[in-house]
């Protein structure tokens, strides 16, 4: 009791001095309180501008083809820069493809070849059992943008976000999302080199797929090529040189999935593409390609022209075919 009383008396005796100090220093007290408040406010606001670690990407659904995941493969490829055959960026892209296939549990193989004195490399991943079906895309890009509307840029390389990276992205997301236990065939995901530099320096188009088709150790029952499929303004007409029966199956699946406005059941273009060498060997083959692409072989073939939904539509059509139909 004595100690508490002493403490109370001491505190009471200080009150007159505190009131006197506040009367004399009221302005300083107000400013001090305001300064503390301002500092606290800036601290809270400033925290909102501090750099924060990027959010961890949401894992894509198991067994579902995801367009955003495919788009990340587009970005990864263009990050390497232009990827013509024989370049360091081309080798990095090939190594990236192999790493992704291995991570998804596919049996990988490489097929090196020499074309016009330049080292090329076809890559494949295999899964499933039964007669083989190839799903292919090229991963090289064009050395010169000879179709660029700006003539001053026609000697610059093409980044190939659509013409190259989009098809590869679809195949890599198929590698992740396909249910290997549902595959109706042994599926080969084939990545062709040396496709895109025809008419430059004496090169021909589709050198890599020609080499593979001429040196087959496994004869596929069907071939599906995926090329230039990422355009945000997607228009997939039937290609005139493709095998009609196989083509009809794929376009029918697209219609069932609600993609009939994009998979247009009309013929428009006739292409020499990576399906051509297989057609020449009598193998049914289809080219899924959007050749109505304003940035073909220009410096504007960049990732901002690509839509994840475009990649997703193509990937889901091919996935349904491989898991529910296939070829006998």
Protein backbone atom coordinates (compact mmCIF):
# COMPACT_ATOMS: atom_id res chain seq x y z
CA UNK A 1 0.00 0.00 0.00
CA UNK A 2 2.76 2.45 0.89
CA UNK A 3 4.62 1.87 -2.36
CA UNK A 4 1.47 2.21 -4.51
CA UNK A 5 0.49 5.39 -2.67
CA UNK A 6 3.92 6.87 -3.26
CA UNK A 7 3.73 6.05 -6.98
CA UNK A 8 0.26 7.65 -7.20
CA UNK A 9 1.43 10.79 -5.45
CA UNK A 10 4.44 11.03 -7.72
CA UNK A 11 2.33 10.75 -10.84
CA UNK A 12 -0.14 13.31 -9.50
CA UNK A 13 2.65 15.75 -8.74
CA UNK A 14 3.82 15.57 -12.36
CA UNK A 15 0.50 16.53 -13.90
CA UNK A 16 0.81 20.30 -13.26
CA UNK A 17 4.26 20.30 -14.87
CA UNK A 18 2.96 18.38 -17.91
CA UNK A 19 0.06 20.80 -18.36
CA UNK A 20 2.43 23.74 -18.14
CA UNK A 21 4.77 22.20 -20.69
CA UNK A 22 1.92 21.51 -23.11
CA UNK A 23 0.64 25.11 -22.78
CA UNK A 24 4.12 26.40 -23.59
CA UNK A 25 4.95 23.82 -26.26
CA UNK A 26 1.57 23.02 -27.78
CA UNK A 27 2.67 23.79 -31.31
CA UNK A 28 5.72 21.53 -31.07
CA UNK A 29 3.53 18.76 -29.64
CA UNK A 30 1.02 19.01 -32.49
CA UNK A 31 3.80 19.00 -35.08
CA UNK A 32 5.47 16.02 -33.43
CA UNK A 33 2.26 13.99 -33.45
CA UNK A 34 1.61 14.97 -37.07
CA UNK A 35 5.12 14.01 -38.11
CA UNK A 36 4.74 10.59 -36.53
CA UNK A 37 1.44 10.12 -38.39
CA UNK A 38 2.92 11.20 -41.73
CA UNK A 39 5.87 8.82 -41.30
CA UNK A 40 3.53 5.96 -40.46
CA UNK A 41 1.29 6.73 -43.47
CA UNK A 42 4.21 6.86 -45.92
CA UNK A 43 5.50 3.65 -44.47
CA UNK A 44 2.26 1.84 -45.19
CA UNK A 45 1.84 3.35 -48.65
CA UNK A 46 5.47 2.81 -49.54
CA UNK A 47 5.22 -0.85 -48.66
CA UNK A 48 2.76 -1.27 -51.49
CA UNK A 49 5.42 -0.14 -53.97
CA UNK A 50 8.14 -2.44 -52.72
CA UNK A 51 9.03 -5.15 -55.23
CA UNK A 52 7.45 -8.46 -54.33
CA UNK A 53 8.41 -11.92 -55.53
CA UNK A 54 6.33 -13.10 -58.51
CA UNK A 55 3.44 -15.35 -57.58
CA UNK A 56 4.03 -19.05 -58.00
CA UNK A 57 2.20 -20.17 -61.17
CA UNK A 58 -0.85 -22.26 -60.45
CA UNK A 59 -0.10 -25.84 -61.51
CA UNK A 60 -2.12 -26.73 -64.62
CA UNK A 61 -4.89 -29.31 -64.18
CA UNK A 62 -3.67 -32.88 -64.47
CA UNK A 63 -4.71 -34.45 -67.75
CA UNK A 64 -6.04 -31.21 -69.24
CA UNK A 65 -4.33 -29.31 -72.05
CA UNK A 66 -3.65 -25.84 -70.69
CA UNK A 67 -3.14 -22.94 -73.09
CA UNK A 68 -1.32 -20.76 -70.59
CA UNK A 69 1.21 -23.50 -69.89
CA UNK A 70 1.73 -23.89 -73.63
CA UNK A 71 2.20 -20.12 -73.93
CA UNK A 72 4.99 -20.26 -71.35
CA UNK A 73 6.81 -22.63 -73.71
CA UNK A 74 6.48 -19.97 -76.44
CA UNK A 75 8.05 -17.40 -74.12
CA UNK A 76 10.85 -19.77 -73.16
CA UNK A 77 11.77 -20.31 -76.81
CA UNK A 78 11.73 -16.67 -77.87
CA UNK A 79 13.87 -15.89 -74.82
CA UNK A 80 16.65 -17.80 -76.60
CA UNK A 81 16.35 -15.35 -79.50
CA UNK A 82 16.21 -16.26 -83.23
CA UNK A 83 16.85 -20.02 -83.60
CA UNK A 84 18.07 -20.86 -87.12
CA UNK A 85 19.64 -24.27 -87.73
CA UNK A 86 23.23 -24.45 -86.52
CA UNK A 87 22.97 -21.52 -84.11
CA UNK A 88 23.66 -21.63 -80.37
CA UNK A 89 20.03 -20.59 -79.73
CA UNK A 90 18.82 -23.49 -81.87
CA UNK A 91 20.89 -25.94 -79.81
CA UNK A 92 19.53 -24.45 -76.57
CA UNK A 93 16.00 -24.86 -77.90
CA UNK A 94 16.63 -28.49 -78.78
CA UNK A 95 18.08 -29.14 -75.34
CA UNK A 96 15.06 -27.43 -73.78
CA UNK A 97 12.71 -29.70 -75.75
CA UNK A 98 14.57 -32.82 -74.62
CA UNK A 99 14.51 -31.68 -70.99
CA UNK A 100 10.75 -31.08 -71.13
CA UNK A 101 10.09 -34.47 -72.74
CA UNK A 102 12.23 -36.25 -70.16
CA UNK A 103 10.46 -34.44 -67.33
CA UNK A 104 7.11 -35.62 -68.72
CA UNK A 105 8.27 -39.24 -68.91
CA UNK A 106 8.67 -39.64 -72.67
CA UNK A 107 11.37 -41.80 -74.26
CA UNK A 108 13.54 -39.33 -76.19
CA UNK A 109 15.80 -39.75 -79.21
CA UNK A 110 17.90 -37.45 -81.37
CA UNK A 111 18.56 -37.73 -85.09
CA UNK A 112 21.56 -35.60 -86.13
CA UNK A 113 22.06 -34.75 -89.80
CA UNK A 114 24.11 -32.42 -91.95
CA UNK A 115 22.43 -30.10 -94.43
CA UNK A 116 24.38 -27.65 -96.58
CA UNK A 117 27.36 -28.18 -94.29
CA UNK A 118 25.34 -27.21 -91.18
CA UNK A 119 24.61 -29.54 -88.29
CA UNK A 120 20.89 -30.14 -87.78
CA UNK A 121 19.01 -32.29 -85.29
CA UNK A 122 15.55 -33.85 -85.27
CA UNK A 123 14.19 -34.76 -81.84
CA UNK A 124 11.45 -37.18 -80.83
CA UNK A 125 9.63 -38.35 -77.75
CA UNK A 126 7.69 -41.64 -77.67
CA UNK A 127 4.95 -43.05 -75.46
CA UNK A 128 2.10 -45.56 -75.79
CA UNK A 129 1.89 -48.76 -77.77
CA UNK A 130 0.57 -49.98 -81.11
CA UNK A 131 0.88 -48.56 -84.63
CA UNK A 132 2.75 -45.26 -84.60
CA UNK A 133 1.22 -41.82 -85.05
CA UNK A 134 3.56 -38.85 -85.46
CA UNK A 135 2.63 -35.37 -84.22
CA UNK A 136 5.22 -32.92 -85.54
CA UNK A 137 6.35 -29.29 -85.47
CA UNK A 138 9.52 -27.47 -86.49
CA UNK A 139 11.64 -25.62 -83.94
CA UNK A 140 14.05 -23.69 -86.15
CA UNK A 141 13.41 -20.10 -87.29
CA UNK A 142 14.14 -18.10 -90.43
CA UNK A 143 17.51 -16.37 -90.77
CA UNK A 144 16.19 -13.37 -92.65
CA UNK A 145 12.83 -11.57 -92.53
CA UNK A 146 12.54 -11.39 -96.30
CA UNK A 147 8.79 -10.74 -96.13
CA UNK A 148 9.06 -7.72 -93.82
CA UNK A 149 7.11 -4.67 -95.07
CA UNK A 150 10.07 -2.53 -93.98
CA UNK A 151 12.72 -3.30 -96.58
CA UNK A 152 15.45 -2.04 -94.23
CA UNK A 153 14.65 -4.97 -91.89
CA UNK A 154 14.70 -7.77 -94.43
CA UNK A 155 18.18 -8.92 -93.44
CA UNK A 156 17.23 -9.17 -89.77
CA UNK A 157 16.37 -12.59 -88.29
CA UNK A 158 12.84 -13.74 -87.46
CA UNK A 159 12.03 -14.38 -83.80
CA UNK A 160 9.46 -17.01 -84.78
CA UNK A 161 6.95 -16.84 -81.93
CA UNK A 162 4.25 -18.23 -84.20
CA UNK A 163 6.31 -19.71 -87.04
CA UNK A 164 8.19 -22.23 -84.94
CA UNK A 165 7.55 -21.69 -81.24
CA UNK A 166 3.75 -22.11 -81.32
CA UNK A 167 3.81 -25.64 -82.76
CA UNK A 168 6.59 -26.70 -80.38
CA UNK A 169 4.61 -25.28 -77.46
CA UNK A 170 1.55 -27.33 -78.37
CA UNK A 171 3.62 -30.52 -78.57
CA UNK A 172 5.34 -29.88 -75.23
CA UNK A 173 2.03 -29.29 -73.48
CA UNK A 174 0.71 -32.46 -75.10
CA UNK A 175 3.71 -34.26 -73.60
CA UNK A 176 2.60 -33.09 -70.15
CA UNK A 177 -1.16 -33.46 -70.50
CA UNK A 178 -1.66 -36.62 -72.54
CA UNK A 179 -2.83 -39.63 -70.55
CA UNK A 180 -0.34 -42.28 -71.67
CA UNK A 181 -2.69 -45.05 -70.52
CA UNK A 182 -5.41 -43.80 -72.89
CA UNK A 183 -3.29 -43.46 -76.03
CA UNK A 184 -4.69 -45.50 -78.90
CA UNK A 185 -1.30 -45.66 -80.63
CA UNK A 186 2.38 -45.34 -80.00
CA UNK A 187 2.63 -41.57 -80.22
CA UNK A 188 5.76 -39.85 -81.45
CA UNK A 189 6.12 -36.15 -80.73
CA UNK A 190 8.59 -35.10 -83.43
CA UNK A 191 10.46 -31.79 -83.52
CA UNK A 192 11.97 -30.99 -86.91
CA UNK A 193 15.02 -28.86 -87.55
CA UNK A 194 15.91 -27.08 -90.82
CA UNK A 195 12.35 -26.41 -91.95
CA UNK A 196 12.17 -22.67 -92.34
CA UNK A 197 15.04 -21.36 -94.48
CA UNK A 198 13.95 -22.32 -97.97
CA UNK A 199 14.96 -19.96 -100.78
CA UNK A 200 17.78 -18.52 -98.65
CA UNK A 201 21.41 -19.25 -99.59
CA UNK A 202 20.45 -22.26 -101.72
CA UNK A 203 18.45 -23.95 -98.94
CA UNK A 204 15.20 -25.83 -99.44
CA UNK A 205 12.27 -25.87 -97.06
CA UNK A 206 11.48 -28.92 -94.83
CA UNK A 207 15.01 -30.38 -94.94
CA UNK A 208 14.68 -31.95 -91.48
CA UNK A 209 11.38 -33.71 -92.09
CA UNK A 210 12.62 -34.92 -95.49
CA UNK A 211 15.63 -36.46 -93.80
CA UNK A 212 13.48 -38.19 -91.19
CA UNK A 213 10.93 -39.45 -93.76
CA UNK A 214 13.74 -40.88 -95.90
CA UNK A 215 15.35 -42.65 -92.95
CA UNK A 216 12.38 -44.04 -91.05
CA UNK A 217 12.99 -46.96 -88.72
CA UNK A 218 9.30 -46.95 -87.72
CA UNK A 219 6.66 -46.36 -90.38
CA UNK A 220 3.84 -44.22 -88.95
CA UNK A 221 0.21 -44.90 -89.76
CA UNK A 222 -0.55 -41.18 -89.72
CA UNK A 223 1.20 -37.82 -89.32
CA UNK A 224 -0.26 -34.61 -87.87
CA UNK A 225 1.75 -31.42 -88.34
CA UNK A 226 1.09 -28.39 -86.15
CA UNK A 227 2.53 -25.17 -87.63
CA UNK A 228 1.78 -21.47 -87.04
CA UNK A 229 -1.21 -22.15 -84.79
CA UNK A 230 -0.82 -19.45 -82.12
CA UNK A 231 -2.19 -16.37 -83.89
CA UNK A 232 -4.67 -14.49 -81.69
CA UNK A 233 -6.82 -14.08 -84.81
CA UNK A 234 -6.92 -17.80 -85.45
CA UNK A 235 -8.27 -19.16 -88.76
CA UNK A 236 -7.59 -22.83 -89.40
CA UNK A 237 -8.83 -23.70 -92.88
CA UNK A 238 -8.41 -27.18 -94.31
CA UNK A 239 -5.13 -27.49 -96.21
CA UNK A 240 -5.58 -28.84 -99.75
CA UNK A 241 -2.70 -31.35 -99.81
CA UNK A 242 -3.67 -33.07 -96.55
CA UNK A 243 -5.33 -36.50 -96.39
CA UNK A 244 -9.10 -35.76 -96.37
CA UNK A 245 -10.24 -38.66 -94.15
CA UNK A 246 -7.76 -37.83 -91.37
CA UNK A 247 -8.47 -34.14 -91.78
CA UNK A 248 -12.23 -34.69 -91.45
CA UNK A 249 -11.76 -36.56 -88.16
CA UNK A 250 -9.80 -33.68 -86.64
CA UNK A 251 -12.20 -30.99 -87.84
CA UNK A 252 -15.15 -33.05 -86.54
CA UNK A 253 -13.53 -33.21 -83.10
CA UNK A 254 -13.03 -29.45 -83.24
CA UNK A 255 -16.73 -28.96 -83.99
CA UNK A 256 -17.68 -31.21 -81.07
CA UNK A 257 -15.49 -29.08 -78.80
CA UNK A 258 -17.21 -25.91 -80.02
CA UNK A 259 -14.33 -24.68 -82.19
CA UNK A 260 -16.12 -24.70 -85.55
CA UNK A 261 -15.66 -20.94 -86.03
CA UNK A 262 -11.90 -21.40 -85.84
CA UNK A 263 -11.46 -24.84 -87.43
CA UNK A 264 -13.16 -23.71 -90.61
CA UNK A 265 -14.39 -26.69 -92.71
CA UNK A 266 -13.39 -25.11 -96.00
CA UNK A 267 -10.30 -25.51 -98.17
CA UNK A 268 -8.05 -22.52 -98.76
CA UNK A 269 -4.27 -23.03 -98.86
CA UNK A 270 -2.10 -25.70 -100.47
CA UNK A 271 1.16 -25.97 -98.52
CA UNK A 272 4.55 -27.57 -98.83
CA UNK A 273 5.19 -28.27 -95.17
CA UNK A 274 6.53 -30.98 -92.88
CA UNK A 275 3.65 -33.29 -93.85
CA UNK A 276 4.78 -33.32 -97.49
CA UNK A 277 7.62 -35.92 -97.25
CA UNK A 278 5.26 -38.35 -95.52
CA UNK A 279 2.51 -37.84 -98.09
CA UNK A 280 5.13 -38.62 -100.76
CA UNK A 281 5.70 -41.96 -99.04
CA UNK A 282 1.97 -42.74 -99.07
CA UNK A 283 1.46 -42.02 -95.36
CA UNK A 284 -1.77 -40.19 -94.41
CA UNK A 285 -0.82 -36.74 -93.16
CA UNK A 286 -2.50 -33.49 -92.15
CA UNK A 287 -1.14 -29.97 -91.85
CA UNK A 288 -2.92 -27.90 -89.17
CA UNK A 289 -1.76 -24.42 -90.12
CA UNK A 290 -3.03 -20.84 -89.97
CA UNK A 291 -1.42 -19.28 -93.01
CA UNK A 292 -3.55 -16.13 -92.71
CA UNK A 293 -0.85 -14.60 -90.52
CA UNK A 294 0.20 -11.07 -91.36
CA UNK A 295 3.60 -11.40 -89.65
CA UNK A 296 4.88 -14.48 -91.49
CA UNK A 297 8.63 -14.17 -92.13
CA UNK A 298 8.78 -10.66 -90.65
CA UNK A 299 10.45 -9.15 -87.61
CA UNK A 300 6.98 -8.74 -86.07
CA UNK A 301 6.48 -12.47 -85.47
CA UNK A 302 6.70 -11.89 -81.71
CA UNK A 303 5.07 -13.35 -78.61
CA UNK A 304 2.52 -10.54 -78.24
CA UNK A 305 0.79 -11.88 -81.37
CA UNK A 306 0.17 -15.26 -79.70
CA UNK A 307 -2.92 -16.18 -77.67
CA UNK A 308 -2.94 -19.01 -75.11
CA UNK A 309 -6.51 -19.87 -76.17
CA UNK A 310 -5.38 -20.43 -79.76
CA UNK A 311 -2.74 -22.91 -78.58
CA UNK A 312 -5.29 -24.56 -76.31
CA UNK A 313 -7.85 -25.17 -79.03
CA UNK A 314 -5.37 -26.95 -81.27
CA UNK A 315 -3.87 -28.93 -78.41
CA UNK A 316 -7.23 -30.15 -77.16
CA UNK A 317 -8.32 -31.29 -80.62
CA UNK A 318 -5.14 -33.34 -81.08
CA UNK A 319 -5.35 -34.68 -77.53
CA UNK A 320 -8.91 -35.93 -78.00
CA UNK A 321 -7.93 -37.61 -81.25
CA UNK A 322 -4.94 -39.41 -79.71
CA UNK A 323 -6.84 -40.53 -76.61
CA UNK A 324 -10.18 -41.52 -78.11
CA UNK A 325 -9.72 -42.34 -81.80
CA UNK A 326 -6.22 -42.81 -83.11
CA UNK A 327 -5.64 -44.99 -86.16
CA UNK A 328 -5.92 -48.79 -86.45
